[in-house]
N, C-alpha and C. Protein backbone atom coordinates (compact mmCIF):
# COMPACT_ATOMS: atom_id res chain seq x y z
N MET A 1 0.85 -1.18 0.01
CA MET A 1 0.01 0.00 0.00
C MET A 1 0.89 1.24 0.01
N ARG A 2 0.59 2.18 -0.87
CA ARG A 2 1.33 3.42 -0.94
C ARG A 2 0.36 4.59 -0.73
N LYS A 3 0.73 5.51 0.15
CA LYS A 3 -0.16 6.63 0.47
C LYS A 3 0.32 7.85 -0.26
N THR A 4 -0.58 8.58 -0.90
CA THR A 4 -0.25 9.83 -1.58
C THR A 4 -1.12 10.93 -1.00
N ILE A 5 -0.52 12.07 -0.65
CA ILE A 5 -1.23 13.16 -0.01
C ILE A 5 -1.13 14.38 -0.91
N THR A 6 -2.24 14.95 -1.30
CA THR A 6 -2.21 16.18 -2.05
C THR A 6 -1.87 17.33 -1.13
N ALA A 7 -1.35 18.45 -1.71
CA ALA A 7 -0.85 19.53 -0.86
C ALA A 7 -1.30 20.89 -1.32
N ALA A 8 -2.48 21.01 -1.92
CA ALA A 8 -2.95 22.29 -2.42
C ALA A 8 -3.03 23.34 -1.31
N THR A 9 -3.50 22.93 -0.12
CA THR A 9 -3.61 23.88 1.00
C THR A 9 -2.25 24.42 1.39
N LEU A 10 -1.25 23.53 1.42
CA LEU A 10 0.09 23.96 1.79
C LEU A 10 0.64 24.93 0.76
N ILE A 11 0.40 24.66 -0.51
CA ILE A 11 0.88 25.54 -1.58
C ILE A 11 0.35 26.96 -1.38
N LEU A 12 -0.97 27.06 -1.14
CA LEU A 12 -1.54 28.38 -0.98
C LEU A 12 -1.01 29.07 0.27
N ALA A 13 -0.80 28.32 1.35
CA ALA A 13 -0.32 28.89 2.60
C ALA A 13 1.07 29.46 2.42
N LEU A 14 1.86 28.86 1.50
CA LEU A 14 3.23 29.34 1.31
C LEU A 14 3.32 30.48 0.29
N GLY A 15 2.18 30.87 -0.27
CA GLY A 15 2.18 32.03 -1.12
C GLY A 15 2.33 31.76 -2.60
N ALA A 16 2.14 30.52 -3.07
CA ALA A 16 2.22 30.25 -4.49
C ALA A 16 1.05 30.90 -5.22
N VAL A 17 1.23 31.18 -6.49
CA VAL A 17 0.16 31.79 -7.27
C VAL A 17 -0.93 30.75 -7.55
N PRO A 18 -2.18 30.97 -7.16
CA PRO A 18 -3.22 29.95 -7.27
C PRO A 18 -3.44 29.43 -8.68
N THR A 19 -3.30 30.30 -9.69
CA THR A 19 -3.54 29.86 -11.03
C THR A 19 -2.51 28.86 -11.54
N LEU A 20 -1.34 28.79 -10.86
CA LEU A 20 -0.28 27.87 -11.25
C LEU A 20 -0.28 26.59 -10.37
N ALA A 21 -1.08 26.60 -9.30
CA ALA A 21 -1.02 25.50 -8.35
C ALA A 21 -1.43 24.19 -8.99
N ALA A 22 -0.66 23.18 -8.71
CA ALA A 22 -0.93 21.82 -9.18
C ALA A 22 -0.33 20.86 -8.18
N ASP A 23 -0.69 19.61 -8.29
CA ASP A 23 -0.19 18.63 -7.36
C ASP A 23 0.77 17.67 -8.05
N LEU A 24 1.89 17.37 -7.37
CA LEU A 24 2.81 16.33 -7.82
C LEU A 24 2.39 15.03 -7.16
N LYS A 25 2.60 13.93 -7.85
CA LYS A 25 2.39 12.62 -7.28
C LYS A 25 3.74 12.06 -6.83
N VAL A 26 3.88 11.78 -5.54
CA VAL A 26 5.12 11.26 -4.98
C VAL A 26 4.89 9.81 -4.63
N THR A 27 5.82 8.93 -5.03
CA THR A 27 5.63 7.49 -4.85
C THR A 27 6.90 6.85 -4.26
N PHE A 28 6.75 6.19 -3.12
CA PHE A 28 7.84 5.39 -2.57
C PHE A 28 8.00 4.13 -3.41
N GLU A 29 9.23 3.74 -3.67
CA GLU A 29 9.49 2.53 -4.48
C GLU A 29 9.42 1.28 -3.63
N SER A 30 9.38 1.42 -2.32
CA SER A 30 9.23 0.28 -1.43
C SER A 30 8.42 0.72 -0.23
N GLY A 31 7.97 -0.22 0.57
CA GLY A 31 7.17 0.12 1.72
C GLY A 31 5.95 -0.78 1.81
N LYS A 32 6.20 -2.06 2.00
CA LYS A 32 5.12 -3.04 2.05
C LYS A 32 4.15 -2.70 3.19
N GLY A 33 2.85 -2.70 2.86
CA GLY A 33 1.84 -2.43 3.87
C GLY A 33 1.87 -1.01 4.38
N GLY A 34 2.52 -0.10 3.68
CA GLY A 34 2.60 1.29 4.11
C GLY A 34 3.63 1.54 5.19
N THR A 35 4.55 0.60 5.39
CA THR A 35 5.55 0.68 6.46
C THR A 35 6.93 0.98 5.86
N LEU A 36 7.64 1.92 6.48
CA LEU A 36 9.01 2.24 6.05
C LEU A 36 9.89 1.01 6.27
N PRO A 37 10.62 0.54 5.27
CA PRO A 37 11.50 -0.60 5.46
C PRO A 37 12.60 -0.33 6.50
N GLU A 38 13.02 -1.36 7.19
CA GLU A 38 14.05 -1.22 8.23
C GLU A 38 15.35 -0.63 7.67
N GLU A 39 15.70 -0.97 6.41
CA GLU A 39 16.97 -0.47 5.88
C GLU A 39 16.95 1.06 5.72
N ASN A 40 15.76 1.67 5.72
CA ASN A 40 15.67 3.13 5.62
C ASN A 40 15.58 3.80 6.98
N ALA A 41 15.67 3.04 8.06
CA ALA A 41 15.62 3.58 9.42
C ALA A 41 17.00 3.74 10.01
N SER A 42 17.17 4.69 10.92
CA SER A 42 18.46 4.85 11.60
C SER A 42 18.52 4.03 12.88
N CYS A 43 17.38 3.48 13.31
CA CYS A 43 17.40 2.54 14.42
C CYS A 43 16.33 1.47 14.20
N ILE A 44 16.59 0.31 14.75
CA ILE A 44 15.69 -0.84 14.64
C ILE A 44 15.42 -1.42 16.01
N ALA A 45 14.36 -2.22 16.11
CA ALA A 45 14.03 -2.84 17.40
C ALA A 45 15.09 -3.87 17.79
N ALA A 46 15.44 -3.88 19.07
CA ALA A 46 16.44 -4.83 19.58
C ALA A 46 16.18 -5.09 21.05
N GLY A 47 15.57 -6.23 21.36
CA GLY A 47 15.34 -6.59 22.74
C GLY A 47 14.47 -5.61 23.50
N GLY A 48 13.48 -5.06 22.84
CA GLY A 48 12.60 -4.13 23.50
C GLY A 48 13.10 -2.71 23.52
N LYS A 49 14.32 -2.49 23.01
CA LYS A 49 14.87 -1.13 22.93
C LYS A 49 15.27 -0.85 21.49
N ALA A 50 16.44 -0.28 21.25
CA ALA A 50 16.82 0.09 19.89
C ALA A 50 18.29 -0.22 19.63
N ALA A 51 18.57 -0.47 18.33
CA ALA A 51 19.95 -0.66 17.88
C ALA A 51 20.11 0.13 16.57
N ALA A 52 21.34 0.37 16.18
CA ALA A 52 21.60 1.15 14.97
C ALA A 52 21.06 0.45 13.73
N GLY A 53 20.46 1.22 12.84
CA GLY A 53 19.97 0.72 11.57
C GLY A 53 20.89 1.09 10.43
N LYS A 54 20.52 0.68 9.21
CA LYS A 54 21.35 0.92 8.02
C LYS A 54 21.28 2.37 7.54
N ASN A 55 20.16 3.04 7.83
CA ASN A 55 20.02 4.46 7.52
C ASN A 55 20.26 4.78 6.02
N LYS A 56 19.62 4.01 5.16
CA LYS A 56 19.69 4.31 3.72
C LYS A 56 18.53 5.23 3.35
N SER A 57 18.83 6.30 2.66
CA SER A 57 17.74 7.19 2.21
C SER A 57 16.84 6.39 1.27
N PRO A 58 15.51 6.60 1.37
CA PRO A 58 14.59 5.76 0.60
C PRO A 58 14.56 6.11 -0.88
N ALA A 59 14.18 5.14 -1.68
CA ALA A 59 13.98 5.33 -3.11
C ALA A 59 12.54 5.82 -3.37
N PHE A 60 12.41 6.88 -4.12
CA PHE A 60 11.08 7.35 -4.48
C PHE A 60 11.17 8.22 -5.73
N SER A 61 10.03 8.49 -6.31
CA SER A 61 9.96 9.28 -7.54
C SER A 61 8.81 10.24 -7.44
N TRP A 62 8.76 11.19 -8.37
CA TRP A 62 7.64 12.14 -8.41
C TRP A 62 7.27 12.41 -9.85
N SER A 63 6.04 12.88 -10.05
CA SER A 63 5.53 13.06 -11.39
C SER A 63 6.20 14.23 -12.12
N LYS A 64 5.96 14.25 -13.44
CA LYS A 64 6.59 15.27 -14.30
C LYS A 64 6.28 16.67 -13.84
N ARG A 65 7.28 17.51 -13.95
CA ARG A 65 7.16 18.89 -13.46
C ARG A 65 6.13 19.69 -14.27
N PRO A 66 5.47 20.67 -13.63
CA PRO A 66 4.61 21.58 -14.38
C PRO A 66 5.41 22.58 -15.18
N ALA A 67 4.79 23.21 -16.14
CA ALA A 67 5.48 24.22 -16.95
C ALA A 67 6.08 25.30 -16.06
N GLY A 68 7.28 25.71 -16.35
CA GLY A 68 7.95 26.75 -15.60
C GLY A 68 8.82 26.27 -14.46
N THR A 69 8.83 24.95 -14.21
CA THR A 69 9.67 24.42 -13.14
C THR A 69 11.14 24.52 -13.50
N ARG A 70 11.94 25.08 -12.57
CA ARG A 70 13.38 25.24 -12.80
C ARG A 70 14.20 24.45 -11.77
N SER A 71 13.56 23.99 -10.72
CA SER A 71 14.23 23.15 -9.73
C SER A 71 13.18 22.50 -8.84
N TYR A 72 13.62 21.53 -8.05
CA TYR A 72 12.77 20.90 -7.05
C TYR A 72 13.45 21.04 -5.68
N ALA A 73 12.70 20.75 -4.65
CA ALA A 73 13.21 20.61 -3.31
C ALA A 73 12.41 19.51 -2.63
N LEU A 74 12.97 18.94 -1.57
CA LEU A 74 12.24 17.93 -0.81
C LEU A 74 12.54 18.03 0.66
N THR A 75 11.58 17.61 1.44
CA THR A 75 11.76 17.48 2.88
C THR A 75 11.17 16.14 3.32
N MET A 76 11.72 15.59 4.41
CA MET A 76 11.11 14.44 5.06
C MET A 76 10.93 14.79 6.53
N THR A 77 9.70 14.70 7.00
CA THR A 77 9.40 15.09 8.37
C THR A 77 8.62 13.99 9.12
N ASP A 78 8.72 14.07 10.42
CA ASP A 78 7.96 13.20 11.34
C ASP A 78 7.14 14.13 12.21
N PRO A 79 5.81 14.16 12.06
CA PRO A 79 4.96 15.04 12.87
C PRO A 79 4.59 14.48 14.23
N ASP A 80 5.14 13.35 14.60
CA ASP A 80 4.70 12.62 15.80
C ASP A 80 5.73 12.57 16.92
N VAL A 81 6.74 13.43 16.88
CA VAL A 81 7.77 13.45 17.91
C VAL A 81 7.23 14.09 19.18
N PRO A 82 7.35 13.46 20.35
CA PRO A 82 6.88 14.07 21.59
C PRO A 82 7.55 15.42 21.85
N GLN A 83 6.77 16.38 22.31
CA GLN A 83 7.32 17.68 22.61
C GLN A 83 8.26 17.64 23.78
N ASP A 84 7.99 16.78 24.72
CA ASP A 84 8.85 16.63 25.92
C ASP A 84 9.95 15.60 25.61
N LEU A 85 11.09 16.12 25.18
CA LEU A 85 12.19 15.22 24.78
C LEU A 85 12.79 14.44 25.97
N SER A 86 12.51 14.86 27.16
CA SER A 86 13.06 14.15 28.33
C SER A 86 12.44 12.77 28.52
N LEU A 87 11.32 12.52 27.83
CA LEU A 87 10.63 11.22 27.96
C LEU A 87 11.20 10.16 27.02
N LEU A 88 12.00 10.60 26.02
CA LEU A 88 12.43 9.70 24.97
C LEU A 88 13.34 8.59 25.51
N ASN A 89 12.99 7.32 25.19
CA ASN A 89 13.84 6.18 25.51
C ASN A 89 14.25 6.12 26.99
N LYS A 90 13.30 6.42 27.87
CA LYS A 90 13.58 6.49 29.29
C LYS A 90 13.00 5.24 29.97
N ASP A 91 13.86 4.52 30.64
CA ASP A 91 13.42 3.31 31.35
C ASP A 91 12.31 3.63 32.35
N GLY A 92 11.30 2.76 32.39
CA GLY A 92 10.20 2.94 33.34
C GLY A 92 9.19 3.97 32.93
N THR A 93 9.33 4.53 31.72
CA THR A 93 8.43 5.57 31.24
C THR A 93 7.77 5.14 29.94
N VAL A 94 6.47 5.35 29.83
CA VAL A 94 5.73 5.10 28.60
C VAL A 94 5.22 6.41 28.05
N ILE A 95 5.47 6.67 26.77
CA ILE A 95 5.01 7.89 26.12
C ILE A 95 3.60 7.64 25.59
N ALA A 96 2.60 8.23 26.22
CA ALA A 96 1.20 7.99 25.85
C ALA A 96 0.89 8.49 24.45
N TYR A 97 -0.06 7.84 23.82
CA TYR A 97 -0.43 8.16 22.44
C TYR A 97 -0.84 9.62 22.29
N ASP A 98 -1.58 10.15 23.29
CA ASP A 98 -2.18 11.48 23.16
C ASP A 98 -1.36 12.61 23.75
N LEU A 99 -0.10 12.36 24.09
CA LEU A 99 0.74 13.43 24.53
C LEU A 99 1.04 14.43 23.41
N PRO A 100 1.29 15.72 23.72
CA PRO A 100 1.55 16.71 22.68
C PRO A 100 2.75 16.33 21.79
N ARG A 101 2.62 16.61 20.52
CA ARG A 101 3.63 16.25 19.53
C ARG A 101 4.14 17.46 18.78
N MET A 102 5.29 17.31 18.11
CA MET A 102 5.86 18.35 17.29
C MET A 102 6.44 17.74 16.02
N GLU A 103 6.73 18.57 15.04
CA GLU A 103 7.26 18.12 13.76
C GLU A 103 8.79 18.15 13.78
N PHE A 104 9.40 17.11 13.27
CA PHE A 104 10.85 16.97 13.27
C PHE A 104 11.33 16.70 11.85
N THR A 105 12.39 17.38 11.44
CA THR A 105 12.93 17.24 10.08
C THR A 105 14.01 16.16 10.02
N HIS A 106 13.82 15.18 9.16
CA HIS A 106 14.80 14.11 8.96
C HIS A 106 15.64 14.32 7.71
N TRP A 107 15.23 15.21 6.81
CA TRP A 107 15.93 15.31 5.53
C TRP A 107 15.47 16.56 4.81
N ILE A 108 16.41 17.28 4.21
CA ILE A 108 16.02 18.37 3.34
C ILE A 108 17.06 18.58 2.24
N LEU A 109 16.55 18.68 1.01
CA LEU A 109 17.39 18.99 -0.17
C LEU A 109 16.74 20.14 -0.90
N ALA A 110 17.52 21.12 -1.30
CA ALA A 110 17.04 22.24 -2.12
C ALA A 110 17.81 22.24 -3.45
N ASP A 111 17.37 23.07 -4.37
CA ASP A 111 18.07 23.23 -5.66
C ASP A 111 18.32 21.92 -6.39
N ILE A 112 17.32 21.00 -6.34
CA ILE A 112 17.41 19.76 -7.08
C ILE A 112 17.20 20.11 -8.55
N PRO A 113 18.08 19.66 -9.46
CA PRO A 113 17.92 19.99 -10.87
C PRO A 113 16.55 19.57 -11.42
N ALA A 114 16.03 20.37 -12.33
CA ALA A 114 14.70 20.10 -12.89
C ALA A 114 14.65 18.82 -13.68
N THR A 115 15.81 18.28 -14.07
CA THR A 115 15.86 17.03 -14.80
C THR A 115 15.74 15.80 -13.90
N VAL A 116 15.83 15.99 -12.60
CA VAL A 116 15.77 14.87 -11.63
C VAL A 116 14.33 14.70 -11.15
N THR A 117 13.79 13.48 -11.32
CA THR A 117 12.43 13.20 -10.83
C THR A 117 12.39 11.90 -10.03
N LYS A 118 13.55 11.41 -9.65
CA LYS A 118 13.59 10.24 -8.76
C LYS A 118 14.94 10.18 -8.06
N LEU A 119 14.96 9.49 -6.94
CA LEU A 119 16.18 9.27 -6.19
C LEU A 119 16.28 7.79 -5.87
N ALA A 120 17.45 7.19 -6.07
CA ALA A 120 17.67 5.80 -5.77
C ALA A 120 17.86 5.64 -4.27
N GLU A 121 17.68 4.43 -3.77
CA GLU A 121 17.91 4.14 -2.34
C GLU A 121 19.37 4.41 -2.02
N GLY A 122 19.62 5.11 -0.92
CA GLY A 122 20.98 5.41 -0.51
C GLY A 122 21.60 6.58 -1.22
N ALA A 123 20.84 7.30 -2.03
CA ALA A 123 21.43 8.42 -2.80
C ALA A 123 21.95 9.53 -1.93
N ASP A 124 21.31 9.77 -0.78
CA ASP A 124 21.76 10.88 0.08
C ASP A 124 21.90 10.44 1.52
N GLY A 125 22.32 9.18 1.71
CA GLY A 125 22.55 8.68 3.03
C GLY A 125 22.61 7.17 3.02
N ASP A 126 23.68 6.60 3.55
CA ASP A 126 23.84 5.14 3.63
C ASP A 126 24.81 4.87 4.79
N GLY A 127 24.23 4.59 5.95
CA GLY A 127 25.06 4.46 7.15
C GLY A 127 24.90 5.62 8.08
N LEU A 128 25.67 5.61 9.15
CA LEU A 128 25.54 6.63 10.20
C LEU A 128 26.87 7.32 10.47
N PRO A 129 27.33 8.18 9.53
CA PRO A 129 28.59 8.86 9.76
C PRO A 129 28.46 9.86 10.92
N PRO A 130 29.47 9.97 11.79
CA PRO A 130 29.39 10.91 12.90
C PRO A 130 29.10 12.33 12.40
N GLY A 131 28.07 12.94 12.97
CA GLY A 131 27.76 14.31 12.58
C GLY A 131 27.00 14.47 11.29
N GLY A 132 26.63 13.36 10.66
CA GLY A 132 25.91 13.47 9.40
C GLY A 132 26.79 13.75 8.20
N LEU A 133 26.20 14.17 7.10
CA LEU A 133 26.93 14.43 5.87
C LEU A 133 27.24 15.92 5.71
N PRO A 134 28.22 16.26 4.88
CA PRO A 134 28.58 17.66 4.68
C PRO A 134 27.43 18.50 4.09
N LEU A 135 27.35 19.73 4.45
CA LEU A 135 26.38 20.67 3.90
C LEU A 135 26.97 21.20 2.60
N GLU A 136 26.61 20.53 1.50
CA GLU A 136 27.20 20.88 0.21
C GLU A 136 26.22 20.60 -0.92
N MET A 137 26.56 21.10 -2.11
CA MET A 137 25.77 20.80 -3.29
C MET A 137 26.19 19.46 -3.85
N THR A 138 25.23 18.60 -4.16
CA THR A 138 25.49 17.30 -4.76
C THR A 138 24.81 17.26 -6.12
N GLU A 139 24.97 16.17 -6.84
CA GLU A 139 24.31 16.04 -8.15
C GLU A 139 22.79 15.95 -8.04
N HIS A 140 22.31 15.66 -6.83
CA HIS A 140 20.87 15.57 -6.67
C HIS A 140 20.32 16.63 -5.73
N GLY A 141 21.07 17.70 -5.49
CA GLY A 141 20.54 18.78 -4.70
C GLY A 141 21.48 19.26 -3.60
N ARG A 142 21.11 20.39 -3.02
CA ARG A 142 21.90 21.02 -1.95
C ARG A 142 21.38 20.60 -0.59
N ARG A 143 22.26 20.05 0.22
CA ARG A 143 21.87 19.54 1.53
C ARG A 143 21.63 20.65 2.55
N GLY A 144 20.52 20.53 3.25
CA GLY A 144 20.26 21.35 4.41
C GLY A 144 20.49 20.54 5.69
N GLN A 145 20.26 21.18 6.82
CA GLN A 145 20.46 20.50 8.13
C GLN A 145 19.18 19.78 8.53
N ASN A 146 19.36 18.52 8.95
CA ASN A 146 18.23 17.84 9.55
C ASN A 146 18.06 18.25 11.00
N GLY A 147 17.03 17.77 11.66
CA GLY A 147 16.67 18.26 12.99
C GLY A 147 17.70 17.96 14.08
N PHE A 148 18.55 16.97 13.84
CA PHE A 148 19.53 16.63 14.88
C PHE A 148 20.54 17.73 15.14
N ALA A 149 20.70 18.63 14.16
CA ALA A 149 21.62 19.75 14.35
C ALA A 149 21.14 20.71 15.44
N GLY A 150 19.85 20.65 15.76
CA GLY A 150 19.31 21.55 16.76
C GLY A 150 19.68 21.22 18.19
N PHE A 151 20.05 19.96 18.45
CA PHE A 151 20.41 19.64 19.84
C PHE A 151 21.66 18.77 19.98
N LEU A 152 22.28 18.37 18.87
CA LEU A 152 23.56 17.68 18.92
C LEU A 152 24.63 18.57 18.28
N LYS A 153 25.79 18.65 18.87
CA LYS A 153 26.80 19.62 18.44
C LYS A 153 28.02 18.99 17.83
N ASP A 154 27.93 17.73 17.38
CA ASP A 154 29.11 17.02 16.90
C ASP A 154 29.22 17.02 15.38
N GLY A 155 28.49 17.88 14.71
CA GLY A 155 28.60 17.92 13.25
C GLY A 155 27.52 18.75 12.60
N PRO A 156 27.58 18.87 11.27
CA PRO A 156 26.61 19.72 10.57
C PRO A 156 25.23 19.07 10.42
N TYR A 157 25.20 17.75 10.45
CA TYR A 157 23.94 16.98 10.27
C TYR A 157 23.24 17.37 8.96
N GLY A 158 23.98 17.24 7.87
CA GLY A 158 23.38 17.36 6.55
C GLY A 158 22.98 15.97 6.07
N GLY A 159 22.16 15.96 5.03
CA GLY A 159 21.77 14.68 4.43
C GLY A 159 20.68 13.99 5.22
N TYR A 160 20.45 12.75 4.85
CA TYR A 160 19.35 11.94 5.37
C TYR A 160 19.68 11.37 6.75
N MET A 161 18.74 11.49 7.69
CA MET A 161 18.80 10.79 8.95
C MET A 161 17.44 10.12 9.13
N GLY A 162 17.43 8.80 9.06
CA GLY A 162 16.20 8.03 8.99
C GLY A 162 15.45 7.92 10.28
N ALA A 163 14.34 7.21 10.19
CA ALA A 163 13.40 7.04 11.31
C ALA A 163 14.07 6.41 12.52
N CYS A 164 13.78 6.98 13.69
CA CYS A 164 14.25 6.39 14.95
C CYS A 164 13.30 6.82 16.06
N PRO A 165 12.04 6.35 16.00
CA PRO A 165 11.07 6.74 17.01
C PRO A 165 11.45 6.14 18.36
N PRO A 166 11.04 6.78 19.43
CA PRO A 166 11.39 6.25 20.78
C PRO A 166 10.86 4.84 20.98
N TRP A 167 11.66 3.99 21.61
CA TRP A 167 11.23 2.61 21.83
C TRP A 167 10.12 2.51 22.88
N ASN A 168 9.88 3.61 23.61
CA ASN A 168 8.84 3.60 24.64
C ASN A 168 7.60 4.42 24.24
N ASP A 169 7.46 4.71 22.94
CA ASP A 169 6.36 5.53 22.44
C ASP A 169 5.20 4.62 21.98
N LEU A 170 3.98 4.92 22.44
CA LEU A 170 2.82 4.13 22.08
C LEU A 170 2.19 4.59 20.75
N ARG A 171 2.74 5.64 20.15
CA ARG A 171 2.23 6.10 18.87
C ARG A 171 3.12 5.60 17.73
N ILE A 172 2.51 5.09 16.66
CA ILE A 172 3.26 4.76 15.45
C ILE A 172 3.54 6.04 14.69
N HIS A 173 4.79 6.30 14.36
CA HIS A 173 5.18 7.56 13.72
C HIS A 173 4.97 7.53 12.21
N ARG A 174 4.68 8.69 11.66
CA ARG A 174 4.52 8.88 10.22
C ARG A 174 5.75 9.60 9.66
N TYR A 175 6.22 9.16 8.51
CA TYR A 175 7.38 9.77 7.86
C TYR A 175 6.94 10.22 6.49
N ARG A 176 6.91 11.53 6.32
CA ARG A 176 6.31 12.15 5.13
C ARG A 176 7.35 12.85 4.28
N VAL A 177 7.46 12.42 3.03
CA VAL A 177 8.33 13.10 2.06
C VAL A 177 7.46 14.05 1.22
N THR A 178 7.84 15.32 1.20
CA THR A 178 7.14 16.31 0.40
C THR A 178 8.10 16.84 -0.66
N VAL A 179 7.64 16.86 -1.89
CA VAL A 179 8.46 17.40 -3.02
C VAL A 179 7.80 18.67 -3.51
N TYR A 180 8.63 19.69 -3.76
CA TYR A 180 8.16 20.99 -4.24
C TYR A 180 8.77 21.26 -5.61
N ALA A 181 7.94 21.74 -6.55
CA ALA A 181 8.41 22.24 -7.85
C ALA A 181 8.50 23.77 -7.77
N LEU A 182 9.67 24.30 -8.09
CA LEU A 182 9.93 25.73 -7.91
C LEU A 182 10.21 26.43 -9.25
N ASP A 183 9.92 27.72 -9.31
CA ASP A 183 10.13 28.48 -10.53
C ASP A 183 11.50 29.19 -10.54
N ILE A 184 12.43 28.72 -9.75
CA ILE A 184 13.74 29.35 -9.59
C ILE A 184 14.80 28.26 -9.56
N ASP A 185 15.98 28.54 -10.15
CA ASP A 185 17.07 27.57 -10.20
C ASP A 185 17.72 27.36 -8.83
N ARG A 186 17.91 28.43 -8.09
CA ARG A 186 18.64 28.35 -6.85
C ARG A 186 18.01 29.34 -5.84
N LEU A 187 17.66 28.83 -4.69
CA LEU A 187 17.10 29.67 -3.63
C LEU A 187 18.20 30.39 -2.86
N THR A 188 17.85 31.55 -2.30
CA THR A 188 18.79 32.27 -1.45
C THR A 188 18.69 31.72 -0.05
N LEU A 189 19.70 30.94 0.35
CA LEU A 189 19.68 30.23 1.61
C LEU A 189 21.00 30.36 2.30
N PRO A 190 21.05 30.32 3.65
CA PRO A 190 22.35 30.30 4.34
C PRO A 190 23.05 28.99 4.10
N ASP A 191 24.34 28.95 4.41
CA ASP A 191 25.12 27.74 4.18
C ASP A 191 24.55 26.56 4.96
N ALA A 192 24.16 26.80 6.21
CA ALA A 192 23.55 25.77 7.04
C ALA A 192 22.06 26.09 7.17
N PHE A 193 21.28 25.72 6.17
CA PHE A 193 19.86 26.08 6.18
C PHE A 193 19.02 24.95 6.75
N THR A 194 17.93 25.37 7.37
CA THR A 194 16.96 24.45 7.98
C THR A 194 15.69 24.41 7.13
N ARG A 195 14.77 23.57 7.52
CA ARG A 195 13.48 23.53 6.82
C ARG A 195 12.76 24.88 6.92
N ALA A 196 12.85 25.50 8.07
CA ALA A 196 12.21 26.82 8.22
C ALA A 196 12.83 27.84 7.26
N ASP A 197 14.14 27.81 7.13
CA ASP A 197 14.82 28.70 6.15
C ASP A 197 14.34 28.42 4.74
N PHE A 198 14.23 27.13 4.40
CA PHE A 198 13.76 26.76 3.07
C PHE A 198 12.35 27.27 2.79
N LEU A 199 11.44 27.03 3.73
CA LEU A 199 10.05 27.45 3.51
C LEU A 199 9.94 28.97 3.34
N ALA A 200 10.74 29.72 4.10
CA ALA A 200 10.74 31.16 3.97
C ALA A 200 11.27 31.60 2.60
N ALA A 201 12.37 30.97 2.15
CA ALA A 201 12.97 31.33 0.87
C ALA A 201 12.10 30.91 -0.32
N ALA A 202 11.36 29.83 -0.14
CA ALA A 202 10.55 29.28 -1.23
C ALA A 202 9.22 30.00 -1.38
N LYS A 203 8.82 30.80 -0.43
CA LYS A 203 7.52 31.46 -0.50
C LYS A 203 7.42 32.30 -1.78
N GLY A 204 6.33 32.05 -2.53
CA GLY A 204 6.13 32.75 -3.79
C GLY A 204 6.76 32.09 -4.98
N HIS A 205 7.53 30.99 -4.75
CA HIS A 205 8.22 30.30 -5.86
C HIS A 205 7.66 28.88 -6.11
N ILE A 206 6.71 28.42 -5.30
CA ILE A 206 6.23 27.05 -5.39
C ILE A 206 5.12 26.94 -6.44
N LEU A 207 5.39 26.17 -7.49
CA LEU A 207 4.42 25.94 -8.54
C LEU A 207 3.51 24.75 -8.21
N ALA A 208 4.06 23.75 -7.52
CA ALA A 208 3.30 22.53 -7.23
C ALA A 208 4.01 21.80 -6.10
N SER A 209 3.29 20.96 -5.40
CA SER A 209 3.90 20.12 -4.40
C SER A 209 3.05 18.87 -4.23
N GLY A 210 3.65 17.87 -3.62
CA GLY A 210 2.94 16.63 -3.33
C GLY A 210 3.69 15.87 -2.27
N ALA A 211 3.05 14.92 -1.65
CA ALA A 211 3.68 14.20 -0.55
C ALA A 211 3.23 12.74 -0.51
N ALA A 212 4.04 11.92 0.11
CA ALA A 212 3.69 10.54 0.39
C ALA A 212 4.27 10.19 1.74
N GLU A 213 3.66 9.26 2.45
CA GLU A 213 4.16 8.91 3.77
C GLU A 213 4.09 7.42 4.03
N LEU A 214 5.02 6.98 4.88
CA LEU A 214 5.04 5.62 5.38
C LEU A 214 5.13 5.70 6.91
N THR A 215 4.77 4.63 7.58
CA THR A 215 4.82 4.62 9.04
C THR A 215 5.93 3.73 9.53
N TYR A 216 6.31 3.93 10.81
CA TYR A 216 7.38 3.11 11.38
C TYR A 216 7.35 3.18 12.89
N THR A 217 7.64 2.06 13.54
CA THR A 217 7.78 2.03 14.99
C THR A 217 8.75 0.91 15.36
N ILE A 218 9.35 1.02 16.54
CA ILE A 218 10.16 -0.08 17.06
C ILE A 218 9.57 -0.59 18.37
N ASN A 219 8.35 -0.12 18.69
CA ASN A 219 7.63 -0.54 19.89
C ASN A 219 6.49 -1.50 19.47
N ALA A 220 6.60 -2.74 19.85
CA ALA A 220 5.58 -3.73 19.44
C ALA A 220 4.21 -3.40 20.05
N LYS A 221 4.15 -2.56 21.07
CA LYS A 221 2.90 -2.20 21.70
C LYS A 221 2.29 -0.93 21.13
N ALA A 222 2.98 -0.28 20.18
CA ALA A 222 2.50 0.97 19.64
C ALA A 222 1.25 0.75 18.74
N THR A 223 0.37 1.74 18.73
CA THR A 223 -0.84 1.69 17.92
C THR A 223 -0.97 2.97 17.15
N LYS A 224 -1.77 2.91 16.11
CA LYS A 224 -2.05 4.15 15.34
C LYS A 224 -2.99 5.05 16.09
């Protein structure tokens, strides 16, 4: 099962011109039953807790660009991260399903060439290098900082950092890839840009967007 989410509301909220708005179809190339494969996660279940995963960026594609597209961008987010980070992976503590949640960025690429409409598995992450990948331009786009840069200080945290939901969380997490078609070749962004920086810079340049999501948990007791 593959889930596809239209994003017309998001496009309008970011200031795109309504007459140009259209939806991209984003498709994961794997994900049996709507679940993110373990090889795309940065941690896996191990004895009721967690162990390091392969952390390969997922393979997916998106539909043909609308007229006027000069580049793409993508983000991968988890909207189900508990707001109280002190509860994460804490012995003797269970994170209830209905506790307040926040959105966390696992991946961001900007300035993706307009000729690129798919990424192979592992294209922007394969393994767990200390501090993540360099913040640089690659053949498939310019890397921004994932959310780990906000509270870990051992590196730039560029590139893909896969799913690693808390092993004590009763909620199954959703991992959503959103692709944006832009009317500009290169956005004006700081060297170490975040998702918030991207959304601000992209305002008024988004011609279309679309999203797809898969779920993942390492807690056998978690429920949707």
